[in-house]
């Protein structure tokens, strides 16, 4: 005898860059280019205590954002190269 379980799943249908508004292509629930996604819940000692902020950036907008940092982001190359900055 076969028994079945009904499963509900969410699949990403579309992703839109919050900065420039460009739609990032999605195929079978997976983005087809680089997307930076942030989810942050603000805590104590913040004016946003209890708020959760979420956004997505296309790779170009991410590059522009970090280009303005006084201290560069730490970049780790997972292809086997050593850590670098910038």
C-alpha atoms as a PDB file:
ATOM      1  CA  UNK A   1       0.000   0.000   0.000  1.00  0.00           C
ATOM      2  CA  UNK A   2       1.280   3.483  -0.856  1.00  0.00           C
ATOM      3  CA  UNK A   3       0.960   6.404   1.464  1.00  0.00           C
ATOM      4  CA  UNK A   4       1.394   9.955   0.269  1.00  0.00           C
ATOM      5  CA  UNK A   5       2.210  13.200   1.965  1.00  0.00           C
ATOM      6  CA  UNK A   6       1.027  16.510   0.533  1.00  0.00           C
ATOM      7  CA  UNK A   7       3.927  18.984   0.417  1.00  0.00           C
ATOM      8  CA  UNK A   8       3.728  22.697  -0.108  1.00  0.00           C
ATOM      9  CA  UNK A   9       6.869  24.336  -1.386  1.00  0.00           C
ATOM     10  CA  UNK A  10       7.772  27.898  -2.203  1.00  0.00           C
ATOM     11  CA  UNK A  11       9.741  28.565  -5.342  1.00  0.00           C
ATOM     12  CA  UNK A  12      11.252  31.907  -6.279  1.00  0.00           C
ATOM     13  CA  UNK A  13       9.288  33.272  -9.211  1.00  0.00           C
ATOM     14  CA  UNK A  14      11.126  36.549  -9.733  1.00  0.00           C
ATOM     15  CA  UNK A  15      13.800  38.735  -8.160  1.00  0.00           C
ATOM     16  CA  UNK A  16      13.956  42.489  -8.651  1.00  0.00           C
ATOM     17  CA  UNK A  17      16.935  44.605  -7.626  1.00  0.00           C
ATOM     18  CA  UNK A  18      15.778  46.994  -4.898  1.00  0.00           C
ATOM     19  CA  UNK A  19      18.186  49.700  -6.069  1.00  0.00           C
ATOM     20  CA  UNK A  20      17.817  49.861  -9.865  1.00  0.00           C
ATOM     21  CA  UNK A  21      14.574  47.898 -10.347  1.00  0.00           C
ATOM     22  CA  UNK A  22      16.046  45.485 -12.893  1.00  0.00           C
ATOM     23  CA  UNK A  23      14.584  41.988 -12.928  1.00  0.00           C
ATOM     24  CA  UNK A  24      17.129  39.222 -12.400  1.00  0.00           C
ATOM     25  CA  UNK A  25      16.380  36.156 -14.546  1.00  0.00           C
ATOM     26  CA  UNK A  26      15.083  33.142 -12.563  1.00  0.00           C
ATOM     27  CA  UNK A  27      14.851  29.594 -13.976  1.00  0.00           C
ATOM     28  CA  UNK A  28      13.312  26.749 -11.964  1.00  0.00           C
ATOM     29  CA  UNK A  29      13.459  28.865  -8.807  1.00  0.00           C
ATOM     30  CA  UNK A  30      17.163  29.749  -9.097  1.00  0.00           C
ATOM     31  CA  UNK A  31      18.642  33.113 -10.152  1.00  0.00           C
ATOM     32  CA  UNK A  32      20.707  32.962 -13.345  1.00  0.00           C
ATOM     33  CA  UNK A  33      23.150  35.678 -12.265  1.00  0.00           C
ATOM     34  CA  UNK A  34      24.691  36.988  -9.075  1.00  0.00           C
ATOM     35  CA  UNK A  35      22.305  38.451  -6.491  1.00  0.00           C
ATOM     36  CA  UNK A  36      23.210  39.884  -3.086  1.00  0.00           C
ATOM     37  CA  UNK A  37      20.403  39.198  -0.610  1.00  0.00           C
ATOM     38  CA  UNK A  38      20.264  40.761   2.834  1.00  0.00           C
ATOM     39  CA  UNK A  39      17.940  39.921   5.724  1.00  0.00           C
ATOM     40  CA  UNK A  40      18.589  41.785   8.933  1.00  0.00           C
ATOM     41  CA  UNK A  41      16.596  42.082  12.113  1.00  0.00           C
ATOM     42  CA  UNK A  42      17.453  45.245  14.026  1.00  0.00           C
ATOM     43  CA  UNK A  43      17.951  44.828  17.754  1.00  0.00           C
ATOM     44  CA  UNK A  44      18.382  46.789  20.941  1.00  0.00           C
ATOM     45  CA  UNK A  45      20.131  50.151  20.878  1.00  0.00           C
ATOM     46  CA  UNK A  46      18.777  50.866  17.400  1.00  0.00           C
ATOM     47  CA  UNK A  47      16.022  53.201  16.293  1.00  0.00           C
ATOM     48  CA  UNK A  48      14.643  50.263  14.279  1.00  0.00           C
ATOM     49  CA  UNK A  49      14.410  47.776  17.188  1.00  0.00           C
ATOM     50  CA  UNK A  50      12.269  44.797  16.145  1.00  0.00           C
ATOM     51  CA  UNK A  51      12.150  45.704  12.449  1.00  0.00           C
ATOM     52  CA  UNK A  52      13.341  43.181   9.864  1.00  0.00           C
ATOM     53  CA  UNK A  53      14.790  44.619   6.664  1.00  0.00           C
ATOM     54  CA  UNK A  54      15.235  42.509   3.512  1.00  0.00           C
ATOM     55  CA  UNK A  55      16.488  43.458   0.074  1.00  0.00           C
ATOM     56  CA  UNK A  56      18.143  42.106  -3.072  1.00  0.00           C
ATOM     57  CA  UNK A  57      20.785  43.799  -5.214  1.00  0.00           C
ATOM     58  CA  UNK A  58      21.991  42.883  -8.682  1.00  0.00           C
ATOM     59  CA  UNK A  59      25.746  42.464  -8.993  1.00  0.00           C
ATOM     60  CA  UNK A  60      26.238  45.910 -10.569  1.00  0.00           C
ATOM     61  CA  UNK A  61      24.402  47.704  -7.767  1.00  0.00           C
ATOM     62  CA  UNK A  62      26.294  45.667  -5.159  1.00  0.00           C
ATOM     63  CA  UNK A  63      29.605  46.662  -6.772  1.00  0.00           C
ATOM     64  CA  UNK A  64      28.582  50.332  -6.738  1.00  0.00           C
ATOM     65  CA  UNK A  65      27.508  50.118  -3.090  1.00  0.00           C
ATOM     66  CA  UNK A  66      30.731  48.534  -1.817  1.00  0.00           C
ATOM     67  CA  UNK A  67      32.796  50.832  -4.049  1.00  0.00           C
ATOM     68  CA  UNK A  68      31.882  53.658  -1.679  1.00  0.00           C
ATOM     69  CA  UNK A  69      33.094  51.879   1.472  1.00  0.00           C
ATOM     70  CA  UNK A  70      36.020  53.496   3.304  1.00  0.00           C
ATOM     71  CA  UNK A  71      37.112  50.030   4.438  1.00  0.00           C
ATOM     72  CA  UNK A  72      36.890  47.446   1.659  1.00  0.00           C
ATOM     73  CA  UNK A  73      34.941  44.238   2.134  1.00  0.00           C
ATOM     74  CA  UNK A  74      36.857  41.068   2.915  1.00  0.00           C
ATOM     75  CA  UNK A  75      36.770  38.772  -0.098  1.00  0.00           C
ATOM     76  CA  UNK A  76      37.455  35.059   0.245  1.00  0.00           C
ATOM     77  CA  UNK A  77      38.154  33.158  -2.943  1.00  0.00           C
ATOM     78  CA  UNK A  78      36.647  29.673  -2.548  1.00  0.00           C
ATOM     79  CA  UNK A  79      38.409  28.444  -5.692  1.00  0.00           C
ATOM     80  CA  UNK A  80      41.543  27.767  -3.663  1.00  0.00           C
ATOM     81  CA  UNK A  81      43.263  31.170  -3.744  1.00  0.00           C
ATOM     82  CA  UNK A  82      44.081  33.005  -0.514  1.00  0.00           C
ATOM     83  CA  UNK A  83      41.973  35.738   1.122  1.00  0.00           C
ATOM     84  CA  UNK A  84      42.199  39.234  -0.322  1.00  0.00           C
ATOM     85  CA  UNK A  85      40.626  42.631   0.170  1.00  0.00           C
ATOM     86  CA  UNK A  86      38.702  44.690  -2.327  1.00  0.00           C
END
